[in-house]
Amino acid sequence: MSRTICEHCGTQADTKAGKCPGCGNPLRSSMSGTAKAVIAIVAVLLIAGGAIMVVMEDDPETPSNGTTVVEPVPTLPEKEGD
């Protein structure tokens, strides 16, 4: 059985209780381990995505607007007399 302390009166209460047995104040439920893990994974993915975007913006081969640069193909001069 896990216990928490009431923020209003300081009484110890079971974490599964909806309200404090001492004063009746609603008890806040803390996040479960699974919820914390999901938040941590999302944060890591966001940071990694941001890092990838920064690296790609610094690449001189890739324009910053995401388009591909196409250079013109040189043409050969036409022969006279043919």
N, C-alpha and C. Protein backbone atom coordinates (compact mmCIF):
# COMPACT_ATOMS: atom_id res chain seq x y z
N MET A 1 0.85 -1.17 0.00
CA MET A 1 0.00 0.00 0.00
C MET A 1 0.90 1.24 0.00
N SER A 2 0.68 2.11 -0.96
CA SER A 2 1.48 3.31 -1.10
C SER A 2 0.76 4.48 -0.41
N ARG A 3 1.55 5.34 0.20
CA ARG A 3 0.96 6.45 0.95
C ARG A 3 1.44 7.77 0.39
N THR A 4 0.62 8.79 0.59
CA THR A 4 0.95 10.15 0.19
C THR A 4 0.58 11.09 1.34
N ILE A 5 1.04 12.31 1.26
CA ILE A 5 0.72 13.30 2.30
C ILE A 5 -0.22 14.34 1.71
N CYS A 6 -1.28 14.64 2.40
CA CYS A 6 -2.26 15.64 1.98
C CYS A 6 -1.60 17.02 1.94
N GLU A 7 -1.75 17.70 0.82
CA GLU A 7 -1.17 19.03 0.68
C GLU A 7 -1.87 20.07 1.57
N HIS A 8 -3.10 19.78 1.97
CA HIS A 8 -3.89 20.75 2.75
C HIS A 8 -3.62 20.64 4.25
N CYS A 9 -3.66 19.40 4.78
CA CYS A 9 -3.53 19.27 6.23
C CYS A 9 -2.31 18.46 6.68
N GLY A 10 -1.63 17.79 5.76
CA GLY A 10 -0.43 17.03 6.10
C GLY A 10 -0.69 15.62 6.58
N THR A 11 -1.93 15.17 6.57
CA THR A 11 -2.26 13.82 6.99
C THR A 11 -1.79 12.81 5.95
N GLN A 12 -1.27 11.66 6.41
CA GLN A 12 -0.91 10.60 5.47
C GLN A 12 -2.15 9.87 5.04
N ALA A 13 -2.21 9.57 3.72
CA ALA A 13 -3.38 8.88 3.20
C ALA A 13 -2.94 7.88 2.14
N ASP A 14 -3.77 6.87 1.93
CA ASP A 14 -3.52 5.89 0.88
C ASP A 14 -3.62 6.58 -0.48
N THR A 15 -2.70 6.26 -1.40
CA THR A 15 -2.71 6.91 -2.71
C THR A 15 -3.94 6.55 -3.52
N LYS A 16 -4.58 5.44 -3.19
CA LYS A 16 -5.78 5.03 -3.92
C LYS A 16 -7.05 5.74 -3.41
N ALA A 17 -6.94 6.40 -2.27
CA ALA A 17 -8.10 7.12 -1.72
C ALA A 17 -8.37 8.36 -2.56
N GLY A 18 -9.61 8.69 -2.75
CA GLY A 18 -9.97 9.85 -3.55
C GLY A 18 -9.81 11.16 -2.79
N LYS A 19 -9.96 11.07 -1.45
CA LYS A 19 -9.82 12.30 -0.66
C LYS A 19 -9.15 11.99 0.66
N CYS A 20 -8.64 13.03 1.28
CA CYS A 20 -7.92 12.92 2.55
C CYS A 20 -8.87 12.48 3.66
N PRO A 21 -8.48 11.48 4.48
CA PRO A 21 -9.35 11.06 5.58
C PRO A 21 -9.40 12.09 6.70
N GLY A 22 -8.41 12.99 6.75
CA GLY A 22 -8.37 13.99 7.82
C GLY A 22 -9.23 15.21 7.54
N CYS A 23 -9.14 15.74 6.30
CA CYS A 23 -9.85 17.00 6.01
C CYS A 23 -10.82 16.88 4.83
N GLY A 24 -10.77 15.78 4.08
CA GLY A 24 -11.69 15.61 2.96
C GLY A 24 -11.22 16.28 1.67
N ASN A 25 -10.04 16.88 1.71
CA ASN A 25 -9.50 17.54 0.51
C ASN A 25 -9.20 16.48 -0.55
N PRO A 26 -9.54 16.75 -1.83
CA PRO A 26 -9.22 15.78 -2.88
C PRO A 26 -7.70 15.58 -2.98
N LEU A 27 -7.29 14.32 -3.11
CA LEU A 27 -5.88 14.00 -3.24
C LEU A 27 -5.50 13.95 -4.71
N ARG A 28 -4.35 14.52 -5.00
CA ARG A 28 -3.83 14.48 -6.37
C ARG A 28 -3.21 13.13 -6.61
N SER A 29 -3.53 12.55 -7.75
CA SER A 29 -2.89 11.29 -8.08
C SER A 29 -1.60 11.58 -8.83
N SER A 30 -0.57 10.87 -8.48
CA SER A 30 0.70 11.07 -9.17
C SER A 30 0.71 10.24 -10.45
N MET A 31 1.57 10.62 -11.38
CA MET A 31 1.66 9.89 -12.64
C MET A 31 2.24 8.51 -12.40
N SER A 32 1.75 7.55 -13.15
CA SER A 32 2.27 6.20 -13.05
C SER A 32 3.61 6.13 -13.76
N GLY A 33 4.32 5.04 -13.57
CA GLY A 33 5.60 4.83 -14.23
C GLY A 33 5.46 4.78 -15.74
N THR A 34 4.34 4.22 -16.23
CA THR A 34 4.11 4.14 -17.67
C THR A 34 3.94 5.52 -18.27
N ALA A 35 3.19 6.38 -17.60
CA ALA A 35 2.98 7.73 -18.11
C ALA A 35 4.30 8.50 -18.15
N LYS A 36 5.12 8.33 -17.13
CA LYS A 36 6.42 8.99 -17.11
C LYS A 36 7.31 8.49 -18.25
N ALA A 37 7.25 7.18 -18.52
CA ALA A 37 8.06 6.60 -19.60
C ALA A 37 7.61 7.13 -20.95
N VAL A 38 6.31 7.25 -21.16
CA VAL A 38 5.78 7.77 -22.43
C VAL A 38 6.23 9.22 -22.62
N ILE A 39 6.15 10.02 -21.58
CA ILE A 39 6.57 11.42 -21.67
C ILE A 39 8.07 11.50 -21.98
N ALA A 40 8.87 10.65 -21.35
CA ALA A 40 10.31 10.65 -21.60
C ALA A 40 10.61 10.26 -23.04
N ILE A 41 9.92 9.25 -23.58
CA ILE A 41 10.15 8.82 -24.96
C ILE A 41 9.77 9.92 -25.93
N VAL A 42 8.64 10.57 -25.71
CA VAL A 42 8.21 11.67 -26.59
C VAL A 42 9.22 12.80 -26.55
N ALA A 43 9.73 13.12 -25.38
CA ALA A 43 10.72 14.20 -25.25
C ALA A 43 11.99 13.85 -26.02
N VAL A 44 12.44 12.61 -25.90
CA VAL A 44 13.65 12.19 -26.62
C VAL A 44 13.44 12.26 -28.12
N LEU A 45 12.28 11.82 -28.59
CA LEU A 45 11.98 11.87 -30.03
C LEU A 45 11.93 13.31 -30.54
N LEU A 46 11.35 14.21 -29.77
CA LEU A 46 11.30 15.61 -30.17
C LEU A 46 12.70 16.23 -30.23
N ILE A 47 13.52 15.92 -29.26
CA ILE A 47 14.89 16.44 -29.25
C ILE A 47 15.68 15.87 -30.42
N ALA A 48 15.53 14.56 -30.69
CA ALA A 48 16.25 13.95 -31.80
C ALA A 48 15.78 14.54 -33.13
N GLY A 49 14.47 14.74 -33.28
CA GLY A 49 13.95 15.34 -34.51
C GLY A 49 14.47 16.75 -34.71
N GLY A 50 14.54 17.53 -33.66
CA GLY A 50 15.08 18.88 -33.76
C GLY A 50 16.55 18.87 -34.14
N ALA A 51 17.30 17.93 -33.57
CA ALA A 51 18.73 17.83 -33.90
C ALA A 51 18.92 17.46 -35.37
N ILE A 52 18.10 16.55 -35.86
CA ILE A 52 18.19 16.16 -37.27
C ILE A 52 17.88 17.35 -38.18
N MET A 53 16.88 18.12 -37.82
CA MET A 53 16.53 19.29 -38.64
C MET A 53 17.66 20.30 -38.66
N VAL A 54 18.32 20.51 -37.52
CA VAL A 54 19.44 21.46 -37.45
C VAL A 54 20.58 20.97 -38.32
N VAL A 55 20.89 19.68 -38.25
CA VAL A 55 21.98 19.12 -39.04
C VAL A 55 21.68 19.24 -40.53
N MET A 56 20.45 18.98 -40.93
CA MET A 56 20.09 19.05 -42.34
C MET A 56 20.12 20.48 -42.85
N GLU A 57 19.82 21.46 -42.02
CA GLU A 57 19.87 22.86 -42.45
C GLU A 57 21.30 23.32 -42.67
N ASP A 58 22.24 22.73 -41.96
CA ASP A 58 23.64 23.11 -42.11
C ASP A 58 24.33 22.43 -43.28
N ASP A 59 23.67 21.47 -43.94
CA ASP A 59 24.25 20.74 -45.06
C ASP A 59 24.29 21.65 -46.29
N PRO A 60 25.48 21.97 -46.83
CA PRO A 60 25.55 22.89 -47.97
C PRO A 60 24.95 22.29 -49.25
N GLU A 61 24.83 20.97 -49.32
CA GLU A 61 24.25 20.33 -50.50
C GLU A 61 22.74 20.42 -50.52
N THR A 62 22.13 20.66 -49.38
CA THR A 62 20.68 20.73 -49.29
C THR A 62 20.25 22.17 -49.08
N PRO A 63 19.50 22.76 -50.01
CA PRO A 63 19.01 24.13 -49.81
C PRO A 63 18.07 24.19 -48.60
N SER A 64 18.01 25.34 -47.98
CA SER A 64 17.22 25.47 -46.76
C SER A 64 15.72 25.37 -47.00
N ASN A 65 15.26 25.59 -48.24
CA ASN A 65 13.82 25.51 -48.50
C ASN A 65 13.38 24.12 -48.92
N GLY A 66 14.30 23.15 -48.95
CA GLY A 66 13.94 21.77 -49.24
C GLY A 66 13.87 21.43 -50.72
N THR A 67 14.21 22.35 -51.60
CA THR A 67 14.17 22.05 -53.03
C THR A 67 15.54 21.55 -53.49
N THR A 68 15.55 20.91 -54.62
CA THR A 68 16.79 20.41 -55.19
C THR A 68 17.29 21.39 -56.24
N VAL A 69 18.57 21.69 -56.19
CA VAL A 69 19.16 22.61 -57.16
C VAL A 69 19.53 21.81 -58.40
N VAL A 70 19.02 22.24 -59.54
CA VAL A 70 19.33 21.59 -60.80
C VAL A 70 20.16 22.57 -61.62
N GLU A 71 21.40 22.16 -61.92
CA GLU A 71 22.27 23.03 -62.68
C GLU A 71 22.06 22.76 -64.17
N PRO A 72 22.14 23.79 -65.01
CA PRO A 72 21.93 23.60 -66.44
C PRO A 72 23.05 22.76 -67.06
N VAL A 73 22.67 21.97 -68.05
CA VAL A 73 23.63 21.14 -68.76
C VAL A 73 24.26 21.99 -69.85
N PRO A 74 25.60 22.01 -69.93
CA PRO A 74 26.23 22.83 -70.97
C PRO A 74 25.91 22.27 -72.36
N THR A 75 25.70 23.16 -73.31
CA THR A 75 25.40 22.74 -74.68
C THR A 75 26.65 22.87 -75.53
N LEU A 76 26.76 22.02 -76.51
CA LEU A 76 27.89 22.05 -77.41
C LEU A 76 27.61 23.07 -78.51
N PRO A 77 28.60 23.81 -78.95
CA PRO A 77 28.37 24.76 -80.04
C PRO A 77 28.07 24.01 -81.35
N GLU A 78 27.19 24.59 -82.16
CA GLU A 78 26.83 23.93 -83.43
C GLU A 78 27.95 24.14 -84.43
N LYS A 79 28.16 23.12 -85.27
CA LYS A 79 29.18 23.20 -86.32
C LYS A 79 28.64 23.99 -87.50
N GLU A 80 29.47 24.82 -88.04
CA GLU A 80 29.05 25.58 -89.23
C GLU A 80 29.39 24.76 -90.46
N GLY A 81 28.50 24.81 -91.44
CA GLY A 81 28.75 24.15 -92.70
C GLY A 81 28.11 22.78 -92.80
N ASP A 82 27.49 22.29 -91.85
CA ASP A 82 26.79 20.99 -91.98
C ASP A 82 25.38 21.17 -92.41
